[in-house]
Amino acid sequence: MSPLHALAAQPGVTEILAVSKDDTGPGPVIRTVLIVGVVGIVFLAWFLLRGYKKD
């Protein structure tokens, strides 16, 4: 059995994966959280690593 068929056999998966045309779901929110998180990680890395710069 392929993993896709095993996933589809689980109860509730079809309801989670089903998206209507008018429902955007959590997509924009998750995308915004991920972008802000990545930018925050880059900024934190820059802030922490700038102290190791040789003058």
Foldseek 3Di string as FASTA:
>chain_A
DDPVVVQVPDPPSCVVPDDDPPDPDCVVVVVVVVVVVVVVVVVVCCVVCVVVDDD
